[in-house]
Amino acid sequence: MCLAIPGQIVEFSPEQPLLAKVDVAGVKRAINIGLLADEPLELGDWVLIHVGFAMSKIGESEARDQLTMLAALGEDAQAMEEVRGYTFAP
């Protein structure tokens, strides 16, 4: 099953404005934020990520609930493997 994974924005790429670095349970990866171009994003914001793309901005409480749900479904390990695979060429 492929679910959206919450991540917290920790850095914006000055060279590539459509990329941001997120922290997902201690794993930091670059994601594409282009789909949220009309949404003001700031450091510390939470986003739902699917296959390396931020799909929507969410609150911290919703992010925590999503992480809890992934663990309850036994999908947390698979979700983390997906996050580890995110990569964007410069």
Protein backbone atom coordinates (compact mmCIF):
# COMPACT_ATOMS: atom_id res chain seq x y z
CA MET A 1 0.00 0.00 0.00
CA CYS A 2 1.26 3.47 -0.78
CA LEU A 3 0.22 6.16 1.69
CA ALA A 4 1.09 9.81 2.11
CA ILE A 5 3.84 10.39 4.64
CA PRO A 6 4.05 13.52 6.79
CA GLY A 7 7.31 15.45 6.83
CA GLN A 8 8.43 18.71 8.40
CA ILE A 9 10.18 21.28 6.23
CA VAL A 10 13.68 21.95 7.58
CA GLU A 11 15.34 23.71 4.62
CA PHE A 12 14.53 25.33 1.28
CA SER A 13 16.89 24.92 -1.66
CA PRO A 14 18.26 28.33 -2.74
CA GLU A 15 19.43 26.86 -6.06
CA GLN A 16 16.22 24.97 -6.86
CA PRO A 17 13.14 26.81 -5.58
CA LEU A 18 10.85 23.82 -6.15
CA LEU A 19 12.82 21.64 -3.71
CA ALA A 20 12.76 21.56 0.07
CA LYS A 21 14.39 19.27 2.61
CA VAL A 22 11.99 17.56 5.01
CA ASP A 23 12.48 15.52 8.14
CA VAL A 24 10.40 12.36 8.34
CA ALA A 25 11.00 10.69 11.70
CA GLY A 26 14.69 11.60 11.59
CA VAL A 27 15.25 10.82 7.91
CA LYS A 28 15.98 13.96 5.88
CA ARG A 29 15.29 14.00 2.15
CA ALA A 30 14.68 16.51 -0.62
CA ILE A 31 11.13 16.68 -1.91
CA ASN A 32 9.44 18.61 -4.68
CA ILE A 33 7.14 21.37 -3.39
CA GLY A 34 6.03 22.57 -6.83
CA LEU A 35 2.47 21.32 -6.39
CA LEU A 36 2.11 23.72 -3.45
CA ALA A 37 3.42 26.78 -5.31
CA ASP A 38 0.28 28.74 -4.39
CA GLU A 39 0.56 27.74 -0.72
CA PRO A 40 2.90 29.83 1.44
CA LEU A 41 5.36 27.39 3.02
CA GLU A 42 7.74 28.19 5.87
CA LEU A 43 10.42 26.34 7.81
CA GLY A 44 8.71 24.08 10.34
CA ASP A 45 5.58 23.54 8.24
CA TRP A 46 4.28 19.99 7.84
CA VAL A 47 3.38 18.53 4.45
CA LEU A 48 1.97 15.22 3.28
CA ILE A 49 4.40 13.60 0.85
CA HIS A 50 3.63 11.02 -1.82
CA VAL A 51 6.40 9.62 -4.06
CA GLY A 52 8.65 12.60 -3.33
CA PHE A 53 6.07 15.34 -3.90
CA ALA A 54 4.43 17.51 -1.25
CA MET A 55 0.71 17.04 -1.88
CA SER A 56 -0.76 19.26 0.84
CA LYS A 57 0.15 21.37 3.85
CA ILE A 58 -1.11 19.98 7.16
CA GLY A 59 -0.96 20.87 10.83
CA GLU A 60 1.39 19.25 13.34
CA SER A 61 -1.47 17.40 15.05
CA GLU A 62 -2.61 15.90 11.75
CA ALA A 63 0.99 14.92 10.98
CA ARG A 64 1.33 13.12 14.32
CA ASP A 65 -2.02 11.37 13.74
CA GLN A 66 -0.86 10.23 10.29
CA LEU A 67 2.40 8.83 11.72
CA THR A 68 0.41 7.00 14.41
CA MET A 69 -1.95 5.58 11.78
CA LEU A 70 0.98 4.36 9.64
CA ALA A 71 2.43 2.57 12.67
CA ALA A 72 -0.97 1.06 13.59
CA LEU A 73 -1.36 -0.28 10.05
CA GLY A 74 2.16 -1.69 10.12
CA GLU A 75 3.09 0.54 7.19
CA ASP A 76 5.63 2.74 8.98
CA ALA A 77 8.69 0.70 7.99
CA GLN A 78 7.60 0.57 4.35
CA ALA A 79 6.90 4.31 4.41
CA MET A 80 10.38 5.02 5.76
CA GLU A 81 11.94 2.88 3.02
CA GLU A 82 10.04 4.95 0.49
CA VAL A 83 11.37 8.17 2.02
CA ARG A 84 14.93 6.86 1.93
CA GLY A 85 14.54 6.34 -1.81
CA TYR A 86 13.63 9.97 -2.61
CA THR A 87 16.26 11.60 -4.75
CA PHE A 88 16.25 14.48 -7.19
CA ALA A 89 19.16 15.14 -9.52
CA PRO A 90 20.49 18.72 -9.35
